[in-house]
Amino acid sequence: MTTRRLRRTAVPAALLALLAAGCSADEPRPTQRVVVCWGTQDPRPADGAVTFSFRQHGEEVASASGPVDLAFAATVPAGEVTTVLADGEPFGEIGVEADVADVAVDEDGATPGYYALTRPGCPDPATLGEAPAAG
């Protein structure tokens, strides 16, 4: 085989390999936001802080910790039930039972809005990320 023929064969083969790799790339998995807050009216943990664990199928997919009166947001895969633990104890559960394909997503692969598991004394989850009002 001549060098010229080898080049003519190798270039199209390399292009086909690159195109095939691009076509088989997985789409980003849809995500959703979960907002949690312990609240000020429930008994406080001894150290005044709480650790939240966000779990799907028994595996931790996100975590957050801090003072009990703060709201925390975590981004988790959409389309799965997410169990939230607070200091290792059940705090709540959110999710959908439909297939991931049925979850509405925006152009970034995120579900619009959020799920909130909050208790009395927590800030409004809708204000999460806003600058505090000047006082």
N, C-alpha and C. Protein backbone atom coordinates (compact mmCIF):
# COMPACT_ATOMS: atom_id res chain seq x y z
N MET A 1 0.86 -1.17 0.00
CA MET A 1 0.00 0.00 0.00
C MET A 1 0.90 1.23 0.00
N THR A 2 0.58 2.18 -0.84
CA THR A 2 1.40 3.39 -0.92
C THR A 2 1.03 4.34 0.20
N THR A 3 1.94 5.31 0.43
CA THR A 3 1.71 6.30 1.48
C THR A 3 0.47 7.13 1.17
N ARG A 4 0.29 7.46 -0.10
CA ARG A 4 -0.87 8.27 -0.50
C ARG A 4 -2.17 7.53 -0.22
N ARG A 5 -2.23 6.25 -0.56
CA ARG A 5 -3.43 5.46 -0.32
C ARG A 5 -3.68 5.30 1.17
N LEU A 6 -2.63 5.12 1.96
CA LEU A 6 -2.75 4.98 3.40
C LEU A 6 -3.35 6.26 4.00
N ARG A 7 -2.90 7.41 3.54
CA ARG A 7 -3.44 8.69 4.03
C ARG A 7 -4.91 8.84 3.65
N ARG A 8 -5.27 8.46 2.43
CA ARG A 8 -6.65 8.58 1.99
C ARG A 8 -7.58 7.67 2.80
N THR A 9 -7.08 6.57 3.27
CA THR A 9 -7.88 5.66 4.08
C THR A 9 -7.92 6.09 5.55
N ALA A 10 -6.79 6.56 6.06
CA ALA A 10 -6.69 6.92 7.48
C ALA A 10 -7.50 8.16 7.82
N VAL A 11 -7.51 9.16 6.96
CA VAL A 11 -8.22 10.41 7.27
C VAL A 11 -9.72 10.18 7.38
N PRO A 12 -10.37 9.53 6.40
CA PRO A 12 -11.81 9.29 6.57
C PRO A 12 -12.12 8.39 7.79
N ALA A 13 -11.27 7.42 8.06
CA ALA A 13 -11.50 6.55 9.22
C ALA A 13 -11.42 7.35 10.51
N ALA A 14 -10.47 8.27 10.62
CA ALA A 14 -10.35 9.10 11.82
C ALA A 14 -11.56 10.03 11.96
N LEU A 15 -12.02 10.60 10.84
CA LEU A 15 -13.21 11.46 10.90
C LEU A 15 -14.43 10.68 11.34
N LEU A 16 -14.62 9.48 10.83
CA LEU A 16 -15.75 8.66 11.23
C LEU A 16 -15.68 8.33 12.72
N ALA A 17 -14.50 8.04 13.23
CA ALA A 17 -14.35 7.74 14.65
C ALA A 17 -14.72 8.95 15.50
N LEU A 18 -14.29 10.15 15.09
CA LEU A 18 -14.63 11.36 15.83
C LEU A 18 -16.13 11.64 15.79
N LEU A 19 -16.75 11.48 14.64
CA LEU A 19 -18.19 11.70 14.53
C LEU A 19 -18.97 10.71 15.37
N ALA A 20 -18.56 9.46 15.36
CA ALA A 20 -19.24 8.45 16.16
C ALA A 20 -19.13 8.76 17.64
N ALA A 21 -17.98 9.22 18.08
CA ALA A 21 -17.79 9.56 19.49
C ALA A 21 -18.68 10.73 19.87
N GLY A 22 -18.82 11.71 18.99
CA GLY A 22 -19.66 12.87 19.29
C GLY A 22 -21.13 12.50 19.33
N CYS A 23 -21.56 11.58 18.48
CA CYS A 23 -22.97 11.18 18.43
C CYS A 23 -23.36 10.34 19.63
N SER A 24 -22.42 9.62 20.19
CA SER A 24 -22.77 8.74 21.30
C SER A 24 -22.59 9.40 22.65
N ALA A 25 -22.19 10.68 22.67
CA ALA A 25 -21.99 11.36 23.96
C ALA A 25 -23.31 11.46 24.69
N ASP A 26 -23.28 11.19 25.98
CA ASP A 26 -24.49 11.27 26.79
C ASP A 26 -24.93 12.71 26.95
N GLU A 27 -26.24 12.91 26.91
CA GLU A 27 -26.80 14.23 27.19
C GLU A 27 -26.64 14.49 28.69
N PRO A 28 -26.49 15.77 29.09
CA PRO A 28 -26.40 16.04 30.52
C PRO A 28 -27.68 15.60 31.23
N ARG A 29 -27.52 15.01 32.38
CA ARG A 29 -28.67 14.53 33.14
C ARG A 29 -29.40 15.71 33.76
N PRO A 30 -30.73 15.74 33.67
CA PRO A 30 -31.48 16.84 34.27
C PRO A 30 -31.24 16.92 35.79
N THR A 31 -31.23 18.14 36.30
CA THR A 31 -31.06 18.33 37.73
C THR A 31 -32.21 19.16 38.29
N GLN A 32 -32.33 19.16 39.60
CA GLN A 32 -33.32 19.98 40.29
C GLN A 32 -32.72 20.52 41.57
N ARG A 33 -33.25 21.64 42.04
CA ARG A 33 -32.77 22.23 43.29
C ARG A 33 -33.66 21.78 44.44
N VAL A 34 -33.03 21.46 45.55
CA VAL A 34 -33.75 21.13 46.78
C VAL A 34 -33.27 22.12 47.84
N VAL A 35 -34.21 22.83 48.44
CA VAL A 35 -33.91 23.80 49.49
C VAL A 35 -34.34 23.21 50.82
N VAL A 36 -33.44 23.26 51.81
CA VAL A 36 -33.75 22.73 53.14
C VAL A 36 -33.38 23.76 54.21
N CYS A 37 -34.10 23.71 55.32
CA CYS A 37 -33.79 24.58 56.46
C CYS A 37 -34.39 23.94 57.71
N TRP A 38 -33.58 23.84 58.76
CA TRP A 38 -33.99 23.24 60.03
C TRP A 38 -35.04 24.08 60.72
N GLY A 39 -34.83 25.37 60.78
CA GLY A 39 -35.78 26.28 61.43
C GLY A 39 -35.37 26.62 62.84
N THR A 40 -35.95 27.68 63.35
CA THR A 40 -35.59 28.16 64.68
C THR A 40 -36.53 27.68 65.76
N GLN A 41 -37.65 27.07 65.39
CA GLN A 41 -38.63 26.66 66.40
C GLN A 41 -38.47 25.22 66.85
N ASP A 42 -37.72 24.42 66.10
CA ASP A 42 -37.45 23.04 66.53
C ASP A 42 -36.28 23.06 67.50
N PRO A 43 -36.17 22.04 68.34
CA PRO A 43 -35.01 22.00 69.25
C PRO A 43 -33.71 22.08 68.46
N ARG A 44 -32.80 22.91 68.94
CA ARG A 44 -31.51 23.10 68.26
C ARG A 44 -30.55 21.97 68.59
N PRO A 45 -29.74 21.58 67.60
CA PRO A 45 -28.65 20.65 67.93
C PRO A 45 -27.72 21.33 68.94
N ALA A 46 -27.00 20.55 69.71
CA ALA A 46 -26.14 21.08 70.78
C ALA A 46 -25.16 22.14 70.27
N ASP A 47 -24.62 21.97 69.08
CA ASP A 47 -23.64 22.94 68.57
C ASP A 47 -24.27 24.05 67.73
N GLY A 48 -25.61 24.06 67.60
CA GLY A 48 -26.29 25.11 66.85
C GLY A 48 -26.21 24.97 65.35
N ALA A 49 -25.61 23.90 64.88
CA ALA A 49 -25.46 23.67 63.44
C ALA A 49 -26.12 22.35 63.07
N VAL A 50 -26.43 22.21 61.80
CA VAL A 50 -27.05 20.98 61.30
C VAL A 50 -26.35 20.59 60.00
N THR A 51 -26.23 19.29 59.77
CA THR A 51 -25.66 18.77 58.52
C THR A 51 -26.75 18.03 57.77
N PHE A 52 -26.99 18.44 56.53
CA PHE A 52 -27.99 17.79 55.68
C PHE A 52 -27.27 16.89 54.69
N SER A 53 -27.84 15.72 54.46
CA SER A 53 -27.33 14.77 53.48
C SER A 53 -28.46 14.48 52.50
N PHE A 54 -28.19 14.63 51.22
CA PHE A 54 -29.18 14.39 50.17
C PHE A 54 -28.81 13.05 49.53
N ARG A 55 -29.72 12.09 49.59
CA ARG A 55 -29.41 10.73 49.15
C ARG A 55 -30.39 10.23 48.10
N GLN A 56 -29.85 9.51 47.13
CA GLN A 56 -30.65 8.81 46.14
C GLN A 56 -30.16 7.37 46.08
N HIS A 57 -31.07 6.45 46.23
CA HIS A 57 -30.73 5.02 46.23
C HIS A 57 -29.67 4.70 47.28
N GLY A 58 -29.71 5.39 48.42
CA GLY A 58 -28.78 5.13 49.51
C GLY A 58 -27.42 5.80 49.37
N GLU A 59 -27.16 6.44 48.23
CA GLU A 59 -25.88 7.10 47.99
C GLU A 59 -26.02 8.61 48.17
N GLU A 60 -25.06 9.22 48.84
CA GLU A 60 -25.09 10.68 49.01
C GLU A 60 -24.76 11.36 47.69
N VAL A 61 -25.65 12.28 47.26
CA VAL A 61 -25.42 13.02 46.02
C VAL A 61 -25.08 14.48 46.29
N ALA A 62 -25.32 14.95 47.53
CA ALA A 62 -24.97 16.32 47.92
C ALA A 62 -25.04 16.40 49.44
N SER A 63 -24.41 17.43 50.00
CA SER A 63 -24.51 17.67 51.44
C SER A 63 -24.32 19.16 51.69
N ALA A 64 -24.78 19.61 52.84
CA ALA A 64 -24.63 21.00 53.25
C ALA A 64 -24.70 21.05 54.77
N SER A 65 -24.01 22.01 55.37
CA SER A 65 -24.09 22.15 56.82
C SER A 65 -23.90 23.61 57.21
N GLY A 66 -24.44 23.95 58.36
CA GLY A 66 -24.32 25.31 58.87
C GLY A 66 -25.37 25.58 59.93
N PRO A 67 -25.55 26.86 60.29
CA PRO A 67 -26.51 27.24 61.32
C PRO A 67 -27.93 26.79 60.99
N VAL A 68 -28.72 26.52 62.02
CA VAL A 68 -30.08 26.00 61.82
C VAL A 68 -31.03 26.99 61.18
N ASP A 69 -30.73 28.28 61.23
CA ASP A 69 -31.66 29.26 60.69
C ASP A 69 -31.34 29.68 59.25
N LEU A 70 -30.39 29.01 58.60
CA LEU A 70 -30.07 29.28 57.21
C LEU A 70 -30.74 28.26 56.30
N ALA A 71 -31.09 28.72 55.09
CA ALA A 71 -31.61 27.81 54.08
C ALA A 71 -30.45 27.38 53.19
N PHE A 72 -30.41 26.12 52.86
CA PHE A 72 -29.36 25.56 52.01
C PHE A 72 -30.01 25.00 50.75
N ALA A 73 -29.36 25.18 49.62
CA ALA A 73 -29.85 24.63 48.36
C ALA A 73 -28.83 23.65 47.83
N ALA A 74 -29.31 22.54 47.34
CA ALA A 74 -28.44 21.53 46.72
C ALA A 74 -29.02 21.19 45.36
N THR A 75 -28.14 20.94 44.41
CA THR A 75 -28.55 20.50 43.09
C THR A 75 -28.37 18.99 43.04
N VAL A 76 -29.46 18.29 42.73
CA VAL A 76 -29.43 16.83 42.69
C VAL A 76 -29.99 16.35 41.36
N PRO A 77 -29.66 15.12 40.95
CA PRO A 77 -30.24 14.59 39.72
C PRO A 77 -31.77 14.55 39.81
N ALA A 78 -32.44 14.98 38.75
CA ALA A 78 -33.90 14.97 38.71
C ALA A 78 -34.41 13.59 38.34
N GLY A 79 -35.68 13.36 38.62
CA GLY A 79 -36.32 12.12 38.23
C GLY A 79 -36.14 10.98 39.20
N GLU A 80 -35.51 11.23 40.32
CA GLU A 80 -35.29 10.22 41.35
C GLU A 80 -35.79 10.75 42.68
N VAL A 81 -36.22 9.87 43.55
CA VAL A 81 -36.61 10.27 44.89
C VAL A 81 -35.34 10.65 45.65
N THR A 82 -35.36 11.81 46.29
CA THR A 82 -34.23 12.26 47.08
C THR A 82 -34.66 12.26 48.54
N THR A 83 -33.96 11.49 49.36
CA THR A 83 -34.20 11.45 50.79
C THR A 83 -33.22 12.41 51.45
N VAL A 84 -33.74 13.27 52.33
CA VAL A 84 -32.90 14.24 53.03
C VAL A 84 -32.80 13.84 54.49
N LEU A 85 -31.56 13.74 54.98
CA LEU A 85 -31.29 13.46 56.38
C LEU A 85 -30.72 14.72 57.03
N ALA A 86 -31.11 14.98 58.27
CA ALA A 86 -30.55 16.09 59.04
C ALA A 86 -29.85 15.47 60.24
N ASP A 87 -28.54 15.65 60.31
CA ASP A 87 -27.72 15.03 61.35
C ASP A 87 -28.00 13.54 61.47
N GLY A 88 -28.16 12.90 60.30
CA GLY A 88 -28.33 11.45 60.23
C GLY A 88 -29.75 10.96 60.45
N GLU A 89 -30.69 11.86 60.77
CA GLU A 89 -32.09 11.48 61.00
C GLU A 89 -32.95 11.90 59.82
N PRO A 90 -34.04 11.14 59.52
CA PRO A 90 -34.90 11.53 58.40
C PRO A 90 -35.45 12.95 58.57
N PHE A 91 -35.38 13.74 57.51
CA PHE A 91 -35.87 15.12 57.52
C PHE A 91 -37.00 15.29 56.51
N GLY A 92 -36.93 14.60 55.41
CA GLY A 92 -37.98 14.68 54.39
C GLY A 92 -37.56 13.97 53.13
N GLU A 93 -38.49 13.93 52.18
CA GLU A 93 -38.25 13.23 50.93
C GLU A 93 -38.96 13.98 49.81
N ILE A 94 -38.30 14.16 48.69
CA ILE A 94 -38.91 14.79 47.53
C ILE A 94 -38.60 13.94 46.32
N GLY A 95 -39.31 14.19 45.24
CA GLY A 95 -38.98 13.50 44.00
C GLY A 95 -40.20 13.16 43.20
N VAL A 96 -39.93 12.56 42.08
CA VAL A 96 -40.99 12.14 41.18
C VAL A 96 -40.80 10.67 40.89
N GLU A 97 -41.88 10.02 40.52
CA GLU A 97 -41.78 8.60 40.19
C GLU A 97 -41.77 8.37 38.69
N ALA A 98 -41.92 9.45 37.90
CA ALA A 98 -41.93 9.32 36.45
C ALA A 98 -40.50 9.12 35.94
N ASP A 99 -40.40 8.66 34.72
CA ASP A 99 -39.09 8.51 34.10
C ASP A 99 -38.43 9.88 33.95
N VAL A 100 -37.11 9.89 33.91
CA VAL A 100 -36.36 11.14 33.73
C VAL A 100 -36.81 11.85 32.46
N ALA A 101 -37.18 11.11 31.45
CA ALA A 101 -37.59 11.71 30.18
C ALA A 101 -38.83 12.59 30.36
N ASP A 102 -39.63 12.35 31.38
CA ASP A 102 -40.85 13.12 31.61
C ASP A 102 -40.61 14.36 32.46
N VAL A 103 -39.39 14.60 32.91
CA VAL A 103 -39.09 15.75 33.75
C VAL A 103 -38.81 16.96 32.85
N ALA A 104 -39.55 18.06 33.08
CA ALA A 104 -39.33 19.27 32.28
C ALA A 104 -37.98 19.88 32.66
N VAL A 105 -37.19 20.23 31.67
CA VAL A 105 -35.87 20.83 31.93
C VAL A 105 -35.69 22.07 31.06
N ASP A 106 -34.85 23.00 31.54
CA ASP A 106 -34.53 24.18 30.74
C ASP A 106 -33.33 23.87 29.86
N GLU A 107 -32.82 24.88 29.15
CA GLU A 107 -31.72 24.65 28.20
C GLU A 107 -30.43 24.21 28.87
N ASP A 108 -30.30 24.42 30.20
CA ASP A 108 -29.10 23.99 30.92
C ASP A 108 -29.26 22.61 31.55
N GLY A 109 -30.39 21.95 31.31
CA GLY A 109 -30.63 20.63 31.89
C GLY A 109 -31.13 20.67 33.31
N ALA A 110 -31.56 21.85 33.79
CA ALA A 110 -32.08 21.98 35.16
C ALA A 110 -33.59 22.07 35.13
N THR A 111 -34.23 21.52 36.15
CA THR A 111 -35.68 21.67 36.24
C THR A 111 -35.98 23.05 36.81
N PRO A 112 -36.99 23.71 36.28
CA PRO A 112 -37.30 25.05 36.78
C PRO A 112 -37.83 24.98 38.20
N GLY A 113 -37.57 26.02 38.97
CA GLY A 113 -38.08 26.06 40.33
C GLY A 113 -37.25 25.21 41.27
N TYR A 114 -37.89 24.77 42.35
CA TYR A 114 -37.19 24.01 43.38
C TYR A 114 -38.19 23.25 44.23
N TYR A 115 -37.69 22.31 44.99
CA TYR A 115 -38.46 21.65 46.03
C TYR A 115 -37.95 22.20 47.35
N ALA A 116 -38.84 22.46 48.30
CA ALA A 116 -38.41 23.01 49.58
C ALA A 116 -38.88 22.14 50.73
N LEU A 117 -37.96 21.85 51.64
CA LEU A 117 -38.25 21.16 52.90
C LEU A 117 -37.80 22.11 54.00
N THR A 118 -38.71 22.94 54.46
CA THR A 118 -38.36 23.93 55.47
C THR A 118 -39.33 23.86 56.63
N ARG A 119 -38.90 24.39 57.74
CA ARG A 119 -39.71 24.41 58.96
C ARG A 119 -39.88 25.86 59.42
N PRO A 120 -40.77 26.09 60.39
CA PRO A 120 -40.99 27.47 60.87
C PRO A 120 -39.69 28.14 61.33
N GLY A 121 -39.57 29.43 61.00
CA GLY A 121 -38.40 30.19 61.38
C GLY A 121 -37.34 30.25 60.30
N CYS A 122 -37.62 29.65 59.15
CA CYS A 122 -36.67 29.65 58.04
C CYS A 122 -36.97 30.83 57.11
N PRO A 123 -35.94 31.30 56.38
CA PRO A 123 -36.21 32.32 55.37
C PRO A 123 -37.04 31.73 54.24
N ASP A 124 -37.72 32.59 53.50
CA ASP A 124 -38.52 32.17 52.36
C ASP A 124 -37.57 31.61 51.30
N PRO A 125 -37.77 30.36 50.87
CA PRO A 125 -36.87 29.77 49.87
C PRO A 125 -36.82 30.56 48.57
N ALA A 126 -37.88 31.29 48.24
CA ALA A 126 -37.91 32.07 47.00
C ALA A 126 -36.86 33.19 47.02
N THR A 127 -36.41 33.59 48.22
CA THR A 127 -35.42 34.68 48.32
C THR A 127 -33.99 34.16 48.32
N LEU A 128 -33.81 32.86 48.21
CA LEU A 128 -32.48 32.29 48.23
C LEU A 128 -31.63 32.89 47.11
N GLY A 129 -30.50 33.40 47.44
CA GLY A 129 -29.61 33.99 46.46
C GLY A 129 -29.77 35.49 46.31
N GLU A 130 -30.81 36.07 46.92
CA GLU A 130 -30.98 37.52 46.86
C GLU A 130 -30.12 38.19 47.91
N ALA A 131 -29.72 39.39 47.62
CA ALA A 131 -28.94 40.17 48.60
C ALA A 131 -29.86 40.57 49.76
N PRO A 132 -29.36 40.53 51.00
CA PRO A 132 -30.18 40.94 52.13
C PRO A 132 -30.58 42.41 52.02
N ALA A 133 -31.77 42.72 52.51
CA ALA A 133 -32.25 44.11 52.47
C ALA A 133 -31.39 44.97 53.40
N ALA A 134 -31.09 46.17 52.94
CA ALA A 134 -30.30 47.11 53.76
C ALA A 134 -31.16 47.55 54.93
N GLY A 135 -30.55 47.63 56.07
CA GLY A 135 -31.36 47.95 57.23
C GLY A 135 -30.71 48.94 58.03
